[in-house]
C-alpha cells in the first residue's frame, strides 16, 4: 500500500489483489486487474472540482526475478507522485 499526502488530502493506493484507491479514507475506485489499471475520480478541494488519475502497473525486476507494482498519480493532468 502506498500513501500520498498532497494539499492536505490523503490518497491511499492498495494494489494487492483487487486494486483500490481511497481519497481521505473514502473508497473512490476499485478494479480487478492482473497487470494494472487506470483509476480516475473527481474530488472537491477548496471549493473547486479537481480530477485525479491513478495508474497502477507491474514492473519486472530482472536481477531479483520478481515483479513489483508501481503507481503514478496525476492531479488535473500534472504528475504529483510517481515511483515508476
PDB file of N, CA and C in Angstrom:
ATOM      1  N   UNK A   1       0.839  -1.178   0.000  1.00  0.00           N
ATOM      2  CA  UNK A   1       0.000   0.000   0.000  1.00  0.00           C
ATOM      3  C   UNK A   1       0.887   1.246   0.000  1.00  0.00           C
ATOM      4  N   UNK A   2       0.461   2.216  -0.767  1.00  0.00           N
ATOM      5  CA  UNK A   2       1.167   3.493  -0.797  1.00  0.00           C
ATOM      6  C   UNK A   2       0.225   4.570  -0.281  1.00  0.00           C
ATOM      7  N   UNK A   3       0.785   5.513   0.457  1.00  0.00           N
ATOM      8  CA  UNK A   3       0.013   6.643   0.954  1.00  0.00           C
ATOM      9  C   UNK A   3       0.676   7.918   0.474  1.00  0.00           C
ATOM     10  N   UNK A   4      -0.105   8.747  -0.203  1.00  0.00           N
ATOM     11  CA  UNK A   4       0.397  10.016  -0.728  1.00  0.00           C
ATOM     12  C   UNK A   4      -0.379  11.134  -0.056  1.00  0.00           C
ATOM     13  N   UNK A   5       0.336  12.076   0.521  1.00  0.00           N
ATOM     14  CA  UNK A   5      -0.301  13.251   1.114  1.00  0.00           C
ATOM     15  C   UNK A   5      -0.034  14.429   0.190  1.00  0.00           C
ATOM     16  N   UNK A   6      -1.113  15.128  -0.173  1.00  0.00           N
ATOM     17  CA  UNK A   6      -0.977  16.248  -1.097  1.00  0.00           C
ATOM     18  C   UNK A   6      -2.039  17.291  -0.778  1.00  0.00           C
ATOM     19  N   UNK A   7      -1.604  18.511  -0.542  1.00  0.00           N
ATOM     20  CA  UNK A   7      -2.509  19.646  -0.366  1.00  0.00           C
ATOM     21  C   UNK A   7      -3.529  19.391   0.752  1.00  0.00           C
ATOM     22  N   UNK A   8      -3.075  18.733   1.826  1.00  0.00           N
ATOM     23  CA  UNK A   8      -3.950  18.472   2.960  1.00  0.00           C
ATOM     24  C   UNK A   8      -4.872  17.276   2.803  1.00  0.00           C
ATOM     25  N   UNK A   9      -4.707  16.501   1.749  1.00  0.00           N
ATOM     26  CA  UNK A   9      -5.545  15.331   1.490  1.00  0.00           C
ATOM     27  C   UNK A   9      -4.666  14.090   1.388  1.00  0.00           C
ATOM     28  N   UNK A  10      -5.278  12.931   1.581  1.00  0.00           N
ATOM     29  CA  UNK A  10      -4.551  11.669   1.559  1.00  0.00           C
ATOM     30  C   UNK A  10      -5.130  10.751   0.492  1.00  0.00           C
ATOM     31  N   UNK A  11      -4.235  10.199  -0.324  1.00  0.00           N
ATOM     32  CA  UNK A  11      -4.617   9.204  -1.324  1.00  0.00           C
ATOM     33  C   UNK A  11      -3.910   7.912  -0.941  1.00  0.00           C
ATOM     34  N   UNK A  12      -4.689   6.850  -0.751  1.00  0.00           N
ATOM     35  CA  UNK A  12      -4.138   5.540  -0.431  1.00  0.00           C
ATOM     36  C   UNK A  12      -4.362   4.624  -1.623  1.00  0.00           C
ATOM     37  N   UNK A  13      -3.312   3.908  -2.002  1.00  0.00           N
ATOM     38  CA  UNK A  13      -3.375   3.021  -3.155  1.00  0.00           C
ATOM     39  C   UNK A  13      -3.047   1.610  -2.685  1.00  0.00           C
ATOM     40  N   UNK A  14      -4.005   0.712  -2.866  1.00  0.00           N
ATOM     41  CA  UNK A  14      -3.822  -0.692  -2.497  1.00  0.00           C
ATOM     42  C   UNK A  14      -3.817  -1.497  -3.782  1.00  0.00           C
ATOM     43  N   UNK A  15      -2.692  -2.153  -4.064  1.00  0.00           N
ATOM     44  CA  UNK A  15      -2.541  -2.815  -5.361  1.00  0.00           C
ATOM     45  C   UNK A  15      -2.418  -4.330  -5.255  1.00  0.00           C
ATOM     46  N   UNK A  16      -2.672  -4.902  -4.117  1.00  0.00           N
ATOM     47  CA  UNK A  16      -2.606  -6.353  -3.969  1.00  0.00           C
ATOM     48  C   UNK A  16      -4.003  -6.932  -4.113  1.00  0.00           C
ATOM     49  N   UNK A  17      -4.152  -7.897  -5.011  1.00  0.00           N
ATOM     50  CA  UNK A  17      -5.481  -8.460  -5.258  1.00  0.00           C
ATOM     51  C   UNK A  17      -6.333  -7.454  -6.001  1.00  0.00           C
ATOM     52  N   UNK A  18      -7.453  -7.096  -5.435  1.00  0.00           N
ATOM     53  CA  UNK A  18      -8.303  -6.069  -6.029  1.00  0.00           C
ATOM     54  C   UNK A  18      -7.671  -4.706  -5.774  1.00  0.00           C
ATOM     55  N   UNK A  19      -7.454  -3.944  -6.841  1.00  0.00           N
ATOM     56  CA  UNK A  19      -6.880  -2.607  -6.690  1.00  0.00           C
ATOM     57  C   UNK A  19      -7.929  -1.676  -6.102  1.00  0.00           C
ATOM     58  N   UNK A  20      -7.513  -0.861  -5.133  1.00  0.00           N
ATOM     59  CA  UNK A  20      -8.416   0.104  -4.512  1.00  0.00           C
ATOM     60  C   UNK A  20      -7.701   1.440  -4.382  1.00  0.00           C
ATOM     61  N   UNK A  21      -8.461   2.514  -4.581  1.00  0.00           N
ATOM     62  CA  UNK A  21      -7.949   3.861  -4.366  1.00  0.00           C
ATOM     63  C   UNK A  21      -8.878   4.535  -3.365  1.00  0.00           C
ATOM     64  N   UNK A  22      -8.290   5.068  -2.301  1.00  0.00           N
ATOM     65  CA  UNK A  22      -9.056   5.778  -1.286  1.00  0.00           C
ATOM     66  C   UNK A  22      -8.619   7.236  -1.259  1.00  0.00           C
ATOM     67  N   UNK A  23      -9.575   8.122  -1.112  1.00  0.00           N
ATOM     68  CA  UNK A  23      -9.305   9.558  -1.020  1.00  0.00           C
ATOM     69  C   UNK A  23      -9.870  10.023   0.319  1.00  0.00           C
ATOM     70  N   UNK A  24      -8.988  10.494   1.190  1.00  0.00           N
ATOM     71  CA  UNK A  24      -9.370  10.891   2.549  1.00  0.00           C
ATOM     72  C   UNK A  24     -10.181   9.795   3.245  1.00  0.00           C
ATOM     73  N   UNK A  25      -9.740   8.537   3.054  1.00  0.00           N
ATOM     74  CA  UNK A  25     -10.357   7.404   3.722  1.00  0.00           C
ATOM     75  C   UNK A  25     -11.591   6.845   3.047  1.00  0.00           C
ATOM     76  N   UNK A  26     -12.063   7.480   1.985  1.00  0.00           N
ATOM     77  CA  UNK A  26     -13.271   7.028   1.284  1.00  0.00           C
ATOM     78  C   UNK A  26     -12.868   6.346  -0.018  1.00  0.00           C
ATOM     79  N   UNK A  27     -13.391   5.150  -0.256  1.00  0.00           N
ATOM     80  CA  UNK A  27     -13.063   4.436  -1.491  1.00  0.00           C
ATOM     81  C   UNK A  27     -13.675   5.158  -2.687  1.00  0.00           C
ATOM     82  N   UNK A  28     -12.817   5.505  -3.658  1.00  0.00           N
ATOM     83  CA  UNK A  28     -13.282   6.233  -4.843  1.00  0.00           C
ATOM     84  C   UNK A  28     -13.137   5.408  -6.114  1.00  0.00           C
ATOM     85  N   UNK A  29     -12.390   4.299  -6.054  1.00  0.00           N
ATOM     86  CA  UNK A  29     -12.251   3.439  -7.227  1.00  0.00           C
ATOM     87  C   UNK A  29     -11.820   2.049  -6.787  1.00  0.00           C
ATOM     88  N   UNK A  30     -12.314   1.053  -7.534  1.00  0.00           N
ATOM     89  CA  UNK A  30     -11.956  -0.347  -7.270  1.00  0.00           C
ATOM     90  C   UNK A  30     -11.984  -1.077  -8.607  1.00  0.00           C
ATOM     91  N   UNK A  31     -10.911  -1.815  -8.894  1.00  0.00           N
ATOM     92  CA  UNK A  31     -10.852  -2.585 -10.139  1.00  0.00           C
ATOM     93  C   UNK A  31     -10.089  -3.877  -9.903  1.00  0.00           C
ATOM     94  N   UNK A  32     -10.480  -4.905 -10.637  1.00  0.00           N
ATOM     95  CA  UNK A  32      -9.736  -6.160 -10.651  1.00  0.00           C
ATOM     96  C   UNK A  32      -8.835  -6.143 -11.875  1.00  0.00           C
ATOM     97  N   UNK A  33      -7.537  -6.327 -11.657  1.00  0.00           N
ATOM     98  CA  UNK A  33      -6.598  -6.314 -12.769  1.00  0.00           C
ATOM     99  C   UNK A  33      -5.339  -7.055 -12.364  1.00  0.00           C
ATOM    100  N   UNK A  34      -4.803  -7.839 -13.287  1.00  0.00           N
ATOM    101  CA  UNK A  34      -3.550  -8.532 -13.007  1.00  0.00           C
ATOM    102  C   UNK A  34      -2.346  -7.676 -13.381  1.00  0.00           C
ATOM    103  N   UNK A  35      -2.433  -6.962 -14.492  1.00  0.00           N
ATOM    104  CA  UNK A  35      -1.293  -6.181 -14.975  1.00  0.00           C
ATOM    105  C   UNK A  35      -1.381  -4.705 -14.631  1.00  0.00           C
ATOM    106  N   UNK A  36      -2.417  -4.279 -13.941  1.00  0.00           N
ATOM    107  CA  UNK A  36      -2.566  -2.880 -13.570  1.00  0.00           C
ATOM    108  C   UNK A  36      -3.687  -2.218 -14.339  1.00  0.00           C
ATOM    109  N   UNK A  37      -4.143  -1.101 -13.820  1.00  0.00           N
ATOM    110  CA  UNK A  37      -5.278  -0.394 -14.416  1.00  0.00           C
ATOM    111  C   UNK A  37      -5.131   1.096 -14.151  1.00  0.00           C
ATOM    112  N   UNK A  38      -5.998   1.863 -14.793  1.00  0.00           N
ATOM    113  CA  UNK A  38      -6.052   3.304 -14.573  1.00  0.00           C
ATOM    114  C   UNK A  38      -7.351   3.626 -13.848  1.00  0.00           C
ATOM    115  N   UNK A  39      -7.231   4.347 -12.759  1.00  0.00           N
ATOM    116  CA  UNK A  39      -8.373   4.750 -11.945  1.00  0.00           C
ATOM    117  C   UNK A  39      -8.524   6.267 -12.067  1.00  0.00           C
ATOM    118  N   UNK A  40      -9.726   6.739 -12.283  1.00  0.00           N
ATOM    119  CA  UNK A  40      -9.972   8.180 -12.311  1.00  0.00           C
ATOM    120  C   UNK A  40     -11.104   8.502 -11.348  1.00  0.00           C
ATOM    121  N   UNK A  41     -10.995   9.664 -10.716  1.00  0.00           N
ATOM    122  CA  UNK A  41     -12.060  10.127  -9.829  1.00  0.00           C
ATOM    123  C   UNK A  41     -11.966  11.642  -9.702  1.00  0.00           C
ATOM    124  N   UNK A  42     -13.061  12.231  -9.284  1.00  0.00           N
ATOM    125  CA  UNK A  42     -13.130  13.674  -9.063  1.00  0.00           C
ATOM    126  C   UNK A  42     -13.305  13.939  -7.577  1.00  0.00           C
ATOM    127  N   UNK A  43     -12.780  15.077  -7.140  1.00  0.00           N
ATOM    128  CA  UNK A  43     -12.913  15.485  -5.741  1.00  0.00           C
ATOM    129  C   UNK A  43     -13.070  17.000  -5.684  1.00  0.00           C
ATOM    130  N   UNK A  44     -13.647  17.464  -4.594  1.00  0.00           N
ATOM    131  CA  UNK A  44     -13.790  18.904  -4.389  1.00  0.00           C
ATOM    132  C   UNK A  44     -12.736  19.342  -3.378  1.00  0.00           C
ATOM    133  N   UNK A  45     -11.894  20.281  -3.802  1.00  0.00           N
ATOM    134  CA  UNK A  45     -10.838  20.821  -2.944  1.00  0.00           C
ATOM    135  C   UNK A  45     -10.906  22.338  -2.996  1.00  0.00           C
ATOM    136  N   UNK A  46     -11.012  22.964  -1.840  1.00  0.00           N
ATOM    137  CA  UNK A  46     -11.079  24.431  -1.763  1.00  0.00           C
ATOM    138  C   UNK A  46     -12.144  24.983  -2.703  1.00  0.00           C
ATOM    139  N   UNK A  47     -13.314  24.398  -2.678  1.00  0.00           N
ATOM    140  CA  UNK A  47     -14.472  24.815  -3.493  1.00  0.00           C
ATOM    141  C   UNK A  47     -14.255  24.657  -4.992  1.00  0.00           C
ATOM    142  N   UNK A  48     -13.260  23.877  -5.390  1.00  0.00           N
ATOM    143  CA  UNK A  48     -13.001  23.634  -6.814  1.00  0.00           C
ATOM    144  C   UNK A  48     -13.036  22.138  -7.093  1.00  0.00           C
ATOM    145  N   UNK A  49     -13.549  21.794  -8.269  1.00  0.00           N
ATOM    146  CA  UNK A  49     -13.579  20.397  -8.704  1.00  0.00           C
ATOM    147  C   UNK A  49     -12.226  20.051  -9.333  1.00  0.00           C
ATOM    148  N   UNK A  50     -11.599  18.966  -8.880  1.00  0.00           N
ATOM    149  CA  UNK A  50     -10.330  18.516  -9.452  1.00  0.00           C
ATOM    150  C   UNK A  50     -10.483  17.063  -9.888  1.00  0.00           C
ATOM    151  N   UNK A  51      -9.665  16.672 -10.850  1.00  0.00           N
ATOM    152  CA  UNK A  51      -9.704  15.292 -11.335  1.00  0.00           C
ATOM    153  C   UNK A  51      -8.364  14.624 -11.063  1.00  0.00           C
ATOM    154  N   UNK A  52      -8.435  13.417 -10.559  1.00  0.00           N
ATOM    155  CA  UNK A  52      -7.251  12.609 -10.303  1.00  0.00           C
ATOM    156  C   UNK A  52      -7.248  11.411 -11.242  1.00  0.00           C
ATOM    157  N   UNK A  53      -6.043  11.006 -11.614  1.00  0.00           N
ATOM    158  CA  UNK A  53      -5.847   9.794 -12.399  1.00  0.00           C
ATOM    159  C   UNK A  53      -4.741   9.005 -11.717  1.00  0.00           C
ATOM    160  N   UNK A  54      -5.029   7.778 -11.375  1.00  0.00           N
ATOM    161  CA  UNK A  54      -4.064   6.908 -10.703  1.00  0.00           C
ATOM    162  C   UNK A  54      -3.811   5.712 -11.609  1.00  0.00           C
ATOM    163  N   UNK A  55      -2.575   5.564 -12.055  1.00  0.00           N
ATOM    164  CA  UNK A  55      -2.189   4.413 -12.874  1.00  0.00           C
ATOM    165  C   UNK A  55      -1.399   3.458 -11.999  1.00  0.00           C
ATOM    166  N   UNK A  56      -1.743   2.184 -12.097  1.00  0.00           N
ATOM    167  CA  UNK A  56      -1.048   1.138 -11.356  1.00  0.00           C
ATOM    168  C   UNK A  56      -0.569   0.104 -12.366  1.00  0.00           C
ATOM    169  N   UNK A  57       0.667  -0.343 -12.213  1.00  0.00           N
ATOM    170  CA  UNK A  57       1.201  -1.324 -13.146  1.00  0.00           C
ATOM    171  C   UNK A  57       2.216  -2.237 -12.486  1.00  0.00           C
ATOM    172  N   UNK A  58       2.745  -3.155 -13.281  1.00  0.00           N
ATOM    173  CA  UNK A  58       3.775  -4.085 -12.827  1.00  0.00           C
ATOM    174  C   UNK A  58       5.080  -3.802 -13.551  1.00  0.00           C
ATOM    175  N   UNK A  59       6.162  -3.948 -12.830  1.00  0.00           N
ATOM    176  CA  UNK A  59       7.489  -3.762 -13.412  1.00  0.00           C
ATOM    177  C   UNK A  59       8.319  -4.998 -13.070  1.00  0.00           C
ATOM    178  N   UNK A  60       8.994  -5.543 -14.081  1.00  0.00           N
ATOM    179  CA  UNK A  60       9.846  -6.710 -13.885  1.00  0.00           C
ATOM    180  C   UNK A  60      11.209  -6.258 -13.386  1.00  0.00           C
ATOM    181  N   UNK A  61      11.624  -6.766 -12.252  1.00  0.00           N
ATOM    182  CA  UNK A  61      12.957  -6.505 -11.702  1.00  0.00           C
ATOM    183  C   UNK A  61      13.794  -7.737 -12.047  1.00  0.00           C
ATOM    184  N   UNK A  62      14.552  -7.645 -13.147  1.00  0.00           N
ATOM    185  CA  UNK A  62      15.209  -8.833 -13.691  1.00  0.00           C
ATOM    186  C   UNK A  62      16.252  -9.437 -12.765  1.00  0.00           C
ATOM    187  N   UNK A  63      17.006  -8.624 -12.038  1.00  0.00           N
ATOM    188  CA  UNK A  63      18.056  -9.187 -11.193  1.00  0.00           C
ATOM    189  C   UNK A  63      17.468  -9.877  -9.960  1.00  0.00           C
ATOM    190  N   UNK A  64      16.252  -9.527  -9.589  1.00  0.00           N
ATOM    191  CA  UNK A  64      15.580 -10.220  -8.488  1.00  0.00           C
ATOM    192  C   UNK A  64      14.649 -11.319  -8.992  1.00  0.00           C
ATOM    193  N   UNK A  65      14.400 -11.284 -10.319  1.00  0.00           N
ATOM    194  CA  UNK A  65      13.432 -12.198 -10.934  1.00  0.00           C
ATOM    195  C   UNK A  65      12.085 -12.101 -10.217  1.00  0.00           C
ATOM    196  N   UNK A  66      11.635 -10.874 -10.117  1.00  0.00           N
ATOM    197  CA  UNK A  66      10.422 -10.581  -9.371  1.00  0.00           C
ATOM    198  C   UNK A  66       9.713  -9.386  -9.982  1.00  0.00           C
ATOM    199  N   UNK A  67       8.406  -9.343  -9.838  1.00  0.00           N
ATOM    200  CA  UNK A  67       7.632  -8.176 -10.239  1.00  0.00           C
ATOM    201  C   UNK A  67       7.404  -7.281  -9.031  1.00  0.00           C
ATOM    202  N   UNK A  68       7.277  -5.994  -9.281  1.00  0.00           N
ATOM    203  CA  UNK A  68       6.850  -5.074  -8.231  1.00  0.00           C
ATOM    204  C   UNK A  68       5.821  -4.133  -8.833  1.00  0.00           C
ATOM    205  N   UNK A  69       4.954  -3.627  -8.012  1.00  0.00           N
ATOM    206  CA  UNK A  69       3.949  -2.689  -8.509  1.00  0.00           C
ATOM    207  C   UNK A  69       4.521  -1.278  -8.507  1.00  0.00           C
ATOM    208  N   UNK A  70       4.049  -0.481  -9.431  1.00  0.00           N
ATOM    209  CA  UNK A  70       4.391   0.939  -9.481  1.00  0.00           C
ATOM    210  C   UNK A  70       3.084   1.713  -9.591  1.00  0.00           C
ATOM    211  N   UNK A  71       3.149   2.992  -9.268  1.00  0.00           N
ATOM    212  CA  UNK A  71       1.962   3.821  -9.451  1.00  0.00           C
ATOM    213  C   UNK A  71       2.380   5.240  -9.819  1.00  0.00           C
ATOM    214  N   UNK A  72       1.451   5.900 -10.474  1.00  0.00           N
ATOM    215  CA  UNK A  72       1.639   7.288 -10.898  1.00  0.00           C
ATOM    216  C   UNK A  72       0.322   8.007 -10.619  1.00  0.00           C
ATOM    217  N   UNK A  73       0.399   9.152  -9.955  1.00  0.00           N
ATOM    218  CA  UNK A  73      -0.800   9.911  -9.608  1.00  0.00           C
ATOM    219  C   UNK A  73      -0.722  11.277 -10.276  1.00  0.00           C
ATOM    220  N   UNK A  74      -1.788  11.611 -11.003  1.00  0.00           N
ATOM    221  CA  UNK A  74      -1.889  12.925 -11.634  1.00  0.00           C
ATOM    222  C   UNK A  74      -3.076  13.671 -11.041  1.00  0.00           C
ATOM    223  N   UNK A  75      -2.890  14.964 -10.858  1.00  0.00           N
ATOM    224  CA  UNK A  75      -3.967  15.849 -10.399  1.00  0.00           C
ATOM    225  C   UNK A  75      -4.156  16.905 -11.471  1.00  0.00           C
ATOM    226  N   UNK A  76      -5.328  16.941 -12.074  1.00  0.00           N
ATOM    227  CA  UNK A  76      -5.606  17.852 -13.190  1.00  0.00           C
ATOM    228  C   UNK A  76      -4.530  17.751 -14.272  1.00  0.00           C
ATOM    229  N   UNK A  77      -4.093  16.522 -14.560  1.00  0.00           N
ATOM    230  CA  UNK A  77      -3.138  16.274 -15.632  1.00  0.00           C
ATOM    231  C   UNK A  77      -1.678  16.443 -15.267  1.00  0.00           C
ATOM    232  N   UNK A  78      -1.379  16.902 -14.055  1.00  0.00           N
ATOM    233  CA  UNK A  78       0.005  17.127 -13.624  1.00  0.00           C
ATOM    234  C   UNK A  78       0.424  16.027 -12.648  1.00  0.00           C
ATOM    235  N   UNK A  79       1.583  15.418 -12.889  1.00  0.00           N
ATOM    236  CA  UNK A  79       2.069  14.344 -12.019  1.00  0.00           C
ATOM    237  C   UNK A  79       2.414  14.914 -10.650  1.00  0.00           C
ATOM    238  N   UNK A  80       1.818  14.319  -9.612  1.00  0.00           N
ATOM    239  CA  UNK A  80       2.145  14.728  -8.243  1.00  0.00           C
ATOM    240  C   UNK A  80       2.905  13.634  -7.500  1.00  0.00           C
ATOM    241  N   UNK A  81       2.908  12.396  -8.054  1.00  0.00           N
ATOM    242  CA  UNK A  81       3.664  11.304  -7.456  1.00  0.00           C
ATOM    243  C   UNK A  81       3.920  10.243  -8.516  1.00  0.00           C
ATOM    244  N   UNK A  82       5.112   9.673  -8.495  1.00  0.00           N
ATOM    245  CA  UNK A  82       5.405   8.501  -9.317  1.00  0.00           C
ATOM    246  C   UNK A  82       6.551   7.722  -8.683  1.00  0.00           C
ATOM    247  N   UNK A  83       6.462   6.414  -8.763  1.00  0.00           N
ATOM    248  CA  UNK A  83       7.587   5.561  -8.380  1.00  0.00           C
ATOM    249  C   UNK A  83       7.847   4.564  -9.503  1.00  0.00           C
ATOM    250  N   UNK A  84       7.503   5.015 -10.678  1.00  0.00           N
ATOM    251  CA  UNK A  84       7.635   4.201 -11.878  1.00  0.00           C
ATOM    252  C   UNK A  84       9.054   4.000 -12.181  1.00  0.00           C
TER     253      UNK A  84
END
